Amino acid sequence: MKTNKYILIAVLILTCNIGFSQEADRKKPNVEEMHLRKFQFIVEKAQLTQNEIITVKPIFMEYENIIWKQHKQNYEIFKNKKKNQIENNINYEELNDNYVDFEVKQAQLFKNYHLKLRKVLQPETLFKYYKSEREFKRNLLQGMQDHNQHKNHQ
């Protein structure tokens, strides 16, 4: 009888863990979906024409994928350096240099992105495009802050 109780408890725990895991997976943002949502937001806010959408989308997706890849690499570098070094032996000079290198690379990528967009969008449209990108980021951050505040008050 005790064995049956333990088996039942184990099955319930396993079932709950699988259920929570699946729910957590559903809540994780999919990178591709995020890029598409961002692009759709920009298209609507900047009022891009159908021809502009067709021309700009590959440029946008290329830039977003490169930036995302760079963020992941940078995260891994910082995580590994901090993990591999004892608190007192962290080489902050190297971490600072890596941070600045990351920012410079990101600025160069943005400059290249701008040069490509400048060739296919009119100046006013490009201005609206950049404004829409900034608005999307603000909305995303605000949504995350609201979510965290809601989560902390529960």
Protein backbone atom coordinates (compact mmCIF):
# COMPACT_ATOMS: atom_id res chain seq x y z
CA MET A 1 0.00 0.00 0.00
CA LYS A 2 2.82 2.40 0.88
CA THR A 3 4.50 1.61 -2.44
CA ASN A 4 1.32 2.59 -4.30
CA LYS A 5 1.23 5.91 -2.41
CA TYR A 6 4.83 6.66 -3.35
CA ILE A 7 4.20 5.75 -6.98
CA LEU A 8 1.09 7.94 -7.03
CA ILE A 9 2.98 10.86 -5.47
CA ALA A 10 5.87 10.43 -7.91
CA VAL A 11 3.47 10.37 -10.88
CA LEU A 12 1.69 13.51 -9.63
CA ILE A 13 4.97 15.36 -9.13
CA LEU A 14 6.21 14.32 -12.57
CA THR A 15 2.92 15.35 -14.20
CA CYS A 16 2.98 18.74 -12.47
CA ASN A 17 6.60 19.34 -13.49
CA ILE A 18 5.84 18.49 -17.11
CA GLY A 19 2.79 20.78 -17.08
CA PHE A 20 4.71 23.69 -15.58
CA SER A 21 7.58 23.12 -18.00
CA GLN A 22 5.25 23.20 -21.00
CA GLU A 23 3.57 26.36 -19.73
CA ALA A 24 6.95 28.02 -19.22
CA ASP A 25 7.95 27.04 -22.76
CA ARG A 26 4.80 28.68 -24.12
CA LYS A 27 5.63 31.91 -22.29
CA LYS A 28 9.21 32.09 -23.60
CA PRO A 29 9.36 34.53 -26.47
CA ASN A 30 10.27 33.00 -29.79
CA VAL A 31 13.00 35.10 -31.42
CA GLU A 32 11.57 34.78 -34.92
CA GLU A 33 8.10 35.76 -33.69
CA MET A 34 9.59 38.75 -31.90
CA HIS A 35 11.36 39.90 -35.07
CA LEU A 36 8.16 39.54 -37.06
CA ARG A 37 6.11 41.41 -34.44
CA LYS A 38 8.69 44.18 -34.41
CA PHE A 39 8.70 44.41 -38.20
CA GLN A 40 4.89 44.50 -38.35
CA PHE A 41 4.86 47.26 -35.74
CA ILE A 42 7.38 49.29 -37.76
CA VAL A 43 5.47 48.72 -40.99
CA GLU A 44 2.25 50.02 -39.43
CA LYS A 45 3.74 52.96 -37.54
CA ALA A 46 6.05 54.11 -40.35
CA GLN A 47 3.28 53.49 -42.90
CA LEU A 48 5.52 51.61 -45.32
CA THR A 49 4.17 50.90 -48.79
CA GLN A 50 3.96 47.35 -50.12
CA ASN A 51 7.09 47.92 -52.25
CA GLU A 52 8.97 49.33 -49.26
CA ILE A 53 7.94 46.34 -47.15
CA ILE A 54 9.25 43.91 -49.76
CA THR A 55 12.52 45.82 -50.07
CA VAL A 56 13.13 46.52 -46.38
CA LYS A 57 12.15 43.19 -44.81
CA PRO A 58 15.30 41.26 -45.85
CA ILE A 59 17.50 44.14 -44.63
CA PHE A 60 15.60 44.26 -41.34
CA MET A 61 15.73 40.49 -40.78
CA GLU A 62 19.44 40.31 -41.58
CA TYR A 63 20.20 43.11 -39.10
CA GLU A 64 17.97 41.66 -36.37
CA ASN A 65 19.52 38.20 -36.71
CA ILE A 66 23.07 39.57 -36.60
CA ILE A 67 22.29 41.71 -33.55
CA TRP A 68 20.58 38.81 -31.78
CA LYS A 69 23.53 36.53 -32.49
CA GLN A 70 25.94 39.17 -31.19
CA HIS A 71 23.92 39.61 -27.99
CA LYS A 72 23.96 35.86 -27.38
CA GLN A 73 27.72 35.67 -27.95
CA ASN A 74 28.33 38.64 -25.68
CA TYR A 75 26.15 37.15 -22.96
CA GLU A 76 28.08 33.88 -23.13
CA ILE A 77 31.44 35.69 -22.97
CA PHE A 78 30.47 37.67 -19.86
CA LYS A 79 28.80 34.69 -18.21
CA ASN A 80 31.80 32.43 -18.79
CA LYS A 81 34.37 35.00 -17.69
CA LYS A 82 32.51 35.72 -14.49
CA LYS A 83 31.86 32.03 -13.84
CA ASN A 84 35.48 31.01 -14.42
CA GLN A 85 36.98 33.66 -12.17
CA ILE A 86 36.78 33.92 -8.43
CA GLU A 87 35.17 37.18 -7.27
CA ASN A 88 38.49 38.74 -6.21
CA ASN A 89 40.26 37.74 -9.40
CA ILE A 90 37.77 39.07 -11.94
CA ASN A 91 39.67 41.02 -14.57
CA TYR A 92 37.44 44.08 -14.73
CA GLU A 93 39.71 45.81 -17.20
CA GLU A 94 39.18 42.96 -19.66
CA LEU A 95 35.42 42.93 -19.01
CA ASN A 96 35.25 46.69 -19.59
CA ASP A 97 37.23 46.38 -22.83
CA ASN A 98 34.90 43.60 -24.00
CA TYR A 99 31.89 45.75 -23.18
CA VAL A 100 33.23 48.70 -25.17
CA ASP A 101 34.17 46.43 -28.09
CA PHE A 102 30.61 45.09 -28.08
CA GLU A 103 29.16 48.60 -28.17
CA VAL A 104 31.48 49.66 -31.01
CA LYS A 105 30.56 46.56 -33.04
CA GLN A 106 26.91 47.26 -32.45
CA ALA A 107 27.32 50.87 -33.58
CA GLN A 108 29.09 49.72 -36.75
CA LEU A 109 26.35 47.20 -37.47
CA PHE A 110 23.75 49.94 -37.02
CA LYS A 111 25.72 52.25 -39.34
CA ASN A 112 25.75 49.53 -42.04
CA TYR A 113 22.03 48.93 -41.47
CA HIS A 114 21.38 52.65 -41.86
CA LEU A 115 23.38 52.84 -45.10
CA LYS A 116 21.32 50.00 -46.57
CA LEU A 117 18.01 51.50 -45.48
CA ARG A 118 19.00 54.93 -46.71
CA LYS A 119 19.27 53.51 -50.23
CA VAL A 120 15.70 52.20 -50.25
CA LEU A 121 13.67 54.61 -48.09
CA GLN A 122 13.01 58.31 -48.42
CA PRO A 123 14.49 60.42 -45.59
CA GLU A 124 11.13 61.17 -43.98
CA THR A 125 10.07 57.53 -44.16
CA LEU A 126 13.40 56.44 -42.69
CA PHE A 127 12.93 58.91 -39.84
CA LYS A 128 9.49 57.39 -39.12
CA TYR A 129 11.02 53.93 -39.40
CA TYR A 130 13.65 54.68 -36.74
CA LYS A 131 11.05 56.38 -34.55
CA SER A 132 8.89 53.25 -34.80
CA GLU A 133 11.84 51.03 -33.83
CA ARG A 134 12.48 53.12 -30.73
CA GLU A 135 8.78 53.07 -29.84
CA PHE A 136 8.68 49.28 -30.16
CA LYS A 137 11.66 48.96 -27.80
CA ARG A 138 10.06 51.36 -25.29
CA ASN A 139 6.78 49.42 -25.41
CA LEU A 140 8.61 46.13 -24.98
CA LEU A 141 10.55 47.40 -21.97
CA GLN A 142 7.43 48.93 -20.45
CA GLY A 143 5.58 45.65 -20.92
CA MET A 144 8.39 43.78 -19.18
CA GLN A 145 8.40 46.25 -16.30
CA ASP A 146 4.63 46.02 -15.94
CA HIS A 147 4.83 42.22 -16.03
CA ASN A 148 7.52 42.16 -13.34
CA GLN A 149 5.60 44.58 -11.12
CA HIS A 150 2.44 42.51 -11.51
CA LYS A 151 4.40 39.34 -10.76
CA ASN A 152 5.98 40.88 -7.63
CA HIS A 153 2.59 41.96 -6.24
CA GLN A 154 1.07 38.49 -6.44
